[in-house]
N, C-alpha and C. Protein backbone atom coordinates (compact mmCIF):
# COMPACT_ATOMS: atom_id res chain seq x y z
N MET A 1 0.65 -1.13 0.25
CA MET A 1 -0.08 -0.03 0.02
C MET A 1 0.94 1.33 0.10
N PHE A 2 0.58 2.08 -0.89
CA PHE A 2 1.40 3.11 -0.95
C PHE A 2 0.71 4.47 -0.67
N LEU A 3 1.24 5.18 0.59
CA LEU A 3 0.80 6.76 0.62
C LEU A 3 1.07 7.90 -0.44
N SER A 4 -0.01 8.84 -0.64
CA SER A 4 0.59 9.76 -1.31
C SER A 4 1.03 10.51 -0.37
N PRO A 5 1.66 11.89 -1.04
CA PRO A 5 2.66 12.86 -0.04
C PRO A 5 1.68 13.65 0.71
N LEU A 6 0.29 14.07 0.25
CA LEU A 6 -0.35 14.48 1.57
C LEU A 6 -0.70 13.60 2.77
N GLU A 7 -0.78 12.64 2.34
CA GLU A 7 -1.16 11.43 3.38
C GLU A 7 0.29 11.09 4.42
N THR A 8 1.48 11.27 3.44
CA THR A 8 2.73 10.69 4.71
C THR A 8 3.02 12.38 5.22
N MET A 9 2.40 13.40 4.32
CA MET A 9 2.98 14.54 5.33
C MET A 9 1.89 14.40 6.74
N THR A 10 0.58 14.15 6.57
CA THR A 10 -0.25 14.46 7.52
C THR A 10 -0.03 13.34 8.33
N ILE A 11 0.44 12.05 8.10
CA ILE A 11 0.69 11.44 9.29
C ILE A 11 1.79 11.61 9.97
N ILE A 12 2.83 12.42 9.16
CA ILE A 12 4.43 12.92 9.94
C ILE A 12 3.72 14.43 11.03
N GLY A 13 2.90 15.12 10.60
CA GLY A 13 2.40 16.05 11.06
C GLY A 13 1.69 15.80 12.40
N LEU A 14 0.86 14.77 12.31
CA LEU A 14 -0.11 14.15 13.66
C LEU A 14 1.10 13.39 14.61
N MET A 15 2.17 12.66 13.96
CA MET A 15 3.16 12.42 14.82
C MET A 15 3.77 13.16 15.73
N MET A 16 4.33 14.17 14.99
CA MET A 16 4.90 15.52 15.51
C MET A 16 4.06 16.17 16.60
N LEU A 17 2.78 16.54 16.06
CA LEU A 17 2.03 17.19 16.86
C LEU A 17 2.26 16.34 18.47
N ALA A 18 1.74 14.69 18.27
CA ALA A 18 1.43 13.79 19.37
C ALA A 18 2.67 14.25 20.33
N THR A 19 4.18 13.91 19.65
CA THR A 19 5.32 14.12 20.29
C THR A 19 5.38 15.26 21.09
N MET A 20 5.24 16.14 20.47
CA MET A 20 5.18 17.48 21.17
C MET A 20 4.28 17.91 22.41
N ILE A 21 3.05 17.37 22.32
CA ILE A 21 1.98 17.50 23.27
C ILE A 21 2.61 16.35 24.18
N THR A 22 3.05 15.62 24.17
CA THR A 22 3.37 14.47 25.41
C THR A 22 4.92 15.36 26.00
N ARG A 23 5.39 15.79 25.10
CA ARG A 23 6.77 16.40 25.97
C ARG A 23 6.27 18.18 26.66
N PHE A 24 5.44 18.70 26.06
CA PHE A 24 5.41 20.11 26.49
C PHE A 24 4.14 19.95 27.70
N LEU A 25 3.19 19.05 27.57
CA LEU A 25 2.32 18.82 28.30
C LEU A 25 2.54 18.96 30.47
N PRO A 26 3.48 18.24 30.50
CA PRO A 26 3.91 18.25 31.90
C PRO A 26 4.56 19.53 32.68
N PHE A 27 4.84 20.30 31.50
CA PHE A 27 5.35 21.42 31.58
C PHE A 27 4.14 22.36 32.22
N VAL A 28 3.21 22.13 31.26
CA VAL A 28 2.03 23.34 31.12
C VAL A 28 0.76 22.96 32.59
N LEU A 29 0.68 21.56 32.86
CA LEU A 29 0.28 21.16 33.92
C LEU A 29 0.99 21.20 35.57
N PHE A 30 2.18 20.98 35.34
CA PHE A 30 2.82 21.62 36.54
C PHE A 30 3.70 22.25 36.37
N PRO A 31 3.45 23.64 36.65
CA PRO A 31 4.52 24.77 36.32
C PRO A 31 5.52 24.29 37.70
N ALA A 32 6.96 25.23 37.31
CA ALA A 32 7.56 24.99 38.39
C ALA A 32 7.37 26.09 39.49
N ASP A 33 6.64 26.77 39.37
CA ASP A 33 6.33 27.92 40.38
C ASP A 33 5.59 27.44 41.55
N ARG A 34 4.31 26.37 41.00
CA ARG A 34 3.24 25.72 41.63
C ARG A 34 4.17 24.65 42.75
N GLU A 35 3.48 24.41 43.79
CA GLU A 35 4.02 23.00 44.29
C GLU A 35 2.84 21.84 43.77
N THR A 36 3.73 20.88 43.80
CA THR A 36 3.31 19.45 43.42
C THR A 36 2.43 18.93 44.04
N HIS A 37 1.44 18.47 43.68
CA HIS A 37 0.23 17.94 44.21
C HIS A 37 0.74 16.59 45.28
N PRO A 38 0.55 16.40 46.38
CA PRO A 38 1.33 14.88 46.51
C PRO A 38 0.52 13.90 46.20
N TYR A 39 -0.34 13.59 45.32
CA TYR A 39 -0.95 12.24 45.13
C TYR A 39 0.18 12.18 43.47
N ILE A 40 0.95 13.19 43.05
CA ILE A 40 1.99 12.72 41.98
C ILE A 40 3.13 12.46 42.43
N THR A 41 3.54 13.28 43.74
CA THR A 41 5.09 12.95 44.01
C THR A 41 5.01 11.61 44.61
N TYR A 42 3.59 10.98 45.12
CA TYR A 42 3.31 9.77 45.72
C TYR A 42 3.88 8.98 44.12
N LEU A 43 3.28 8.95 43.25
CA LEU A 43 2.86 8.46 41.96
C LEU A 43 4.79 8.61 41.30
N GLY A 44 5.17 9.75 41.48
CA GLY A 44 6.70 9.32 41.26
C GLY A 44 7.96 8.61 41.92
N LYS A 45 7.16 8.04 43.40
CA LYS A 45 8.26 7.56 44.37
C LYS A 45 7.77 5.97 44.23
N VAL A 46 6.51 5.60 43.54
CA VAL A 46 5.96 4.16 43.45
C VAL A 46 6.06 3.65 41.82
N LEU A 47 5.72 4.55 41.06
CA LEU A 47 5.69 4.13 39.46
C LEU A 47 6.85 3.55 39.23
N PRO A 48 8.14 4.22 39.50
CA PRO A 48 9.25 3.19 38.44
C PRO A 48 9.16 1.94 39.02
N TYR A 49 9.13 1.45 40.53
CA TYR A 49 9.11 -0.03 41.05
C TYR A 49 7.92 -0.97 40.58
N ALA A 50 7.28 0.02 40.47
CA ALA A 50 6.09 -0.75 39.62
C ALA A 50 6.29 -1.01 38.33
N VAL A 51 7.07 -0.28 37.49
CA VAL A 51 6.91 -0.71 36.15
C VAL A 51 8.40 -1.72 36.14
N ILE A 52 9.00 -1.16 36.64
CA ILE A 52 10.07 -2.50 36.81
C ILE A 52 9.39 -4.05 37.02
N GLY A 53 8.79 -3.85 38.34
CA GLY A 53 8.21 -5.25 38.35
C GLY A 53 7.49 -5.81 37.23
N PHE A 54 6.44 -5.05 36.90
CA PHE A 54 5.83 -5.17 35.55
C PHE A 54 6.71 -5.87 34.38
N LEU A 55 8.29 -5.37 34.08
CA LEU A 55 8.64 -5.60 33.27
C LEU A 55 9.42 -7.12 33.05
N VAL A 56 9.54 -7.43 34.74
CA VAL A 56 10.06 -8.53 35.07
C VAL A 56 9.19 -9.59 34.61
N VAL A 57 8.03 -9.59 35.22
CA VAL A 57 6.95 -10.38 34.73
C VAL A 57 6.82 -10.47 33.56
N TYR A 58 6.62 -9.27 32.67
CA TYR A 58 6.63 -9.45 31.47
C TYR A 58 7.41 -10.48 30.56
N CYS A 59 8.78 -9.85 30.94
CA CYS A 59 9.89 -10.60 30.36
C CYS A 59 10.14 -12.20 30.76
N LEU A 60 9.66 -12.64 31.81
CA LEU A 60 9.81 -14.05 32.00
C LEU A 60 8.06 -14.93 32.19
N LYS A 61 7.19 -14.33 31.34
CA LYS A 61 6.45 -14.71 31.40
C LYS A 61 6.18 -16.13 29.95
N GLY A 62 7.19 -16.28 29.42
CA GLY A 62 7.16 -17.05 28.36
C GLY A 62 8.29 -18.32 28.79
N VAL A 63 9.00 -18.18 30.09
CA VAL A 63 9.94 -18.88 30.47
C VAL A 63 9.34 -20.31 30.94
N ASP A 64 10.12 -21.58 30.01
CA ASP A 64 9.22 -22.84 30.30
C ASP A 64 10.52 -23.59 31.38
N VAL A 65 10.16 -23.84 32.51
CA VAL A 65 11.54 -24.52 33.43
C VAL A 65 10.94 -26.51 33.17
N LEU A 66 10.03 -26.46 32.55
CA LEU A 66 10.30 -27.79 32.51
C LEU A 66 10.93 -28.55 31.02
N ALA A 67 11.08 -27.26 30.09
CA ALA A 67 11.63 -27.54 29.01
C ALA A 67 13.12 -27.30 28.86
N ALA A 68 14.23 -28.05 28.23
CA ALA A 68 15.48 -27.36 28.22
C ALA A 68 15.66 -25.98 27.63
N PRO A 69 16.35 -25.12 28.12
CA PRO A 69 17.58 -25.26 29.18
C PRO A 69 16.96 -24.81 30.62
N HIS A 70 15.63 -25.22 30.59
CA HIS A 70 14.97 -24.76 31.82
C HIS A 70 15.18 -23.68 32.70
N GLY A 71 14.96 -22.40 32.04
CA GLY A 71 15.12 -21.06 32.44
C GLY A 71 16.43 -20.86 32.64
N LEU A 72 17.56 -21.43 32.63
CA LEU A 72 18.97 -21.14 33.38
C LEU A 72 19.44 -19.88 32.55
N PRO A 73 18.99 -19.58 31.45
CA PRO A 73 19.58 -18.37 30.96
C PRO A 73 19.11 -17.04 31.44
N GLU A 74 17.66 -17.32 31.38
CA GLU A 74 16.72 -16.37 32.47
C GLU A 74 17.59 -15.81 33.74
N ALA A 75 17.48 -16.92 34.40
CA ALA A 75 18.15 -16.76 36.10
C ALA A 75 19.70 -16.32 36.12
N LEU A 76 20.48 -16.92 35.15
CA LEU A 76 21.92 -16.52 35.36
C LEU A 76 21.91 -14.92 34.99
N ALA A 77 21.20 -14.54 34.16
CA ALA A 77 20.93 -13.24 33.48
C ALA A 77 20.85 -11.86 34.48
N ILE A 78 19.51 -12.89 35.39
CA ILE A 78 18.85 -11.91 36.61
C ILE A 78 19.90 -11.85 37.64
N GLY A 79 20.51 -13.07 37.77
CA GLY A 79 21.86 -12.95 38.78
C GLY A 79 22.65 -11.82 38.72
N VAL A 80 23.19 -11.78 37.49
CA VAL A 80 24.40 -11.03 36.92
C VAL A 80 23.41 -9.52 37.18
N ILE A 81 22.44 -8.93 36.90
CA ILE A 81 21.88 -7.83 36.95
C ILE A 81 21.70 -7.61 38.48
N VAL A 82 21.78 -8.17 39.36
CA VAL A 82 20.71 -8.36 40.62
C VAL A 82 22.31 -7.88 41.29
N ALA A 83 23.44 -9.02 41.25
CA ALA A 83 25.03 -8.87 41.57
C ALA A 83 25.48 -7.34 40.87
N LEU A 84 24.99 -7.13 39.89
CA LEU A 84 26.26 -5.85 39.36
C LEU A 84 25.13 -4.19 39.91
N GLN A 85 23.88 -4.74 40.09
CA GLN A 85 23.14 -3.39 40.91
C GLN A 85 23.66 -3.41 42.15
N LEU A 86 23.75 -4.39 43.06
CA LEU A 86 24.20 -4.22 44.66
C LEU A 86 25.80 -3.70 44.62
N TRP A 87 26.32 -4.29 43.55
CA TRP A 87 27.67 -4.00 43.62
C TRP A 87 28.28 -2.58 42.85
N LYS A 88 27.38 -2.04 41.95
CA LYS A 88 28.30 -0.94 41.58
C LYS A 88 26.75 0.21 41.82
N GLY A 89 25.38 -0.15 41.90
CA GLY A 89 24.43 0.78 42.12
C GLY A 89 24.40 1.45 40.42
N ASN A 90 24.73 0.73 39.28
CA ASN A 90 24.37 1.40 38.37
C ASN A 90 23.14 0.75 37.06
N SER A 91 21.90 0.96 36.91
CA SER A 91 21.14 0.40 36.54
C SER A 91 21.55 0.51 34.81
N LEU A 92 21.77 1.08 34.10
CA LEU A 92 22.65 0.97 32.86
C LEU A 92 23.40 0.00 32.67
N VAL A 93 24.77 -0.13 33.70
CA VAL A 93 25.87 -1.02 33.72
C VAL A 93 25.08 -2.53 34.10
N SER A 94 24.35 -2.53 35.12
CA SER A 94 23.25 -3.82 35.47
C SER A 94 22.69 -4.34 34.38
N ILE A 95 22.03 -3.66 33.88
CA ILE A 95 20.77 -3.94 32.66
C ILE A 95 21.85 -4.29 31.54
N GLY A 96 22.73 -3.68 31.04
CA GLY A 96 23.49 -3.85 30.01
C GLY A 96 24.17 -5.35 30.03
N ALA A 97 25.11 -5.48 30.88
CA ALA A 97 25.72 -6.97 31.34
C ALA A 97 24.42 -8.00 31.42
N GLY A 98 23.56 -7.73 32.04
CA GLY A 98 22.63 -8.71 31.94
C GLY A 98 21.84 -9.27 30.82
N THR A 99 21.77 -7.98 29.60
CA THR A 99 21.13 -8.64 28.59
C THR A 99 22.50 -8.97 27.94
N ALA A 100 23.76 -8.62 27.99
CA ALA A 100 24.31 -9.09 27.07
C ALA A 100 25.01 -10.73 27.63
N VAL A 101 24.90 -10.82 28.70
CA VAL A 101 25.00 -12.32 29.58
C VAL A 101 23.98 -13.50 28.91
N TYR A 102 22.69 -12.86 28.76
CA TYR A 102 21.56 -13.54 28.50
C TYR A 102 21.89 -13.79 26.86
N MET A 103 22.02 -13.03 26.02
CA MET A 103 22.32 -13.15 24.68
C MET A 103 23.65 -14.05 24.60
N VAL A 104 24.42 -13.83 25.29
CA VAL A 104 25.03 -15.08 24.74
C VAL A 104 25.37 -16.37 25.27
N LEU A 105 24.32 -16.39 25.99
CA LEU A 105 23.78 -17.64 26.57
C LEU A 105 22.82 -18.39 26.10
N VAL A 106 22.16 -17.40 25.04
CA VAL A 106 21.10 -17.83 24.23
C VAL A 106 21.67 -18.15 23.00
N GLN A 107 22.18 -17.25 22.21
CA GLN A 107 22.89 -17.62 21.13
C GLN A 107 24.34 -18.24 21.17
N GLY A 108 25.14 -18.82 22.13
CA GLY A 108 26.13 -19.38 21.88
C GLY A 108 26.16 -20.52 22.61
N VAL A 109 25.93 -20.14 23.82
CA VAL A 109 26.62 -21.61 25.00
C VAL A 109 25.17 -22.51 25.02
N LEU A 110 24.20 -22.08 25.20
CA LEU A 110 23.09 -23.06 25.39
C LEU A 110 22.16 -23.04 23.86
N ALA A 111 22.79 -22.70 23.00
CA ALA A 111 21.42 -22.64 21.87
C ALA A 111 21.46 -24.04 21.05
């Protein structure tokens, strides 16, 4: 399916508008000169942990511990992530190394 130039530009314009709205709306709704509502502060404290928990569950939902390799790559990658996070305290390093360990195990070692 081909789009006409007008349709293409319309889609690009709408996506640009949607992106701008999502970027600028927080500054309009929560200006710096006003105090942030306590509920928003609460959400800012609890949502990061909730999202990480959701991502862990989502990533592990397809692991079959009854079939080879019995979730071993996932367990080792999680162990690397936890160990590096406790040791270094840097999420980027922890997640990056855990992803690398998982990919090496899945693509090479336990393939």
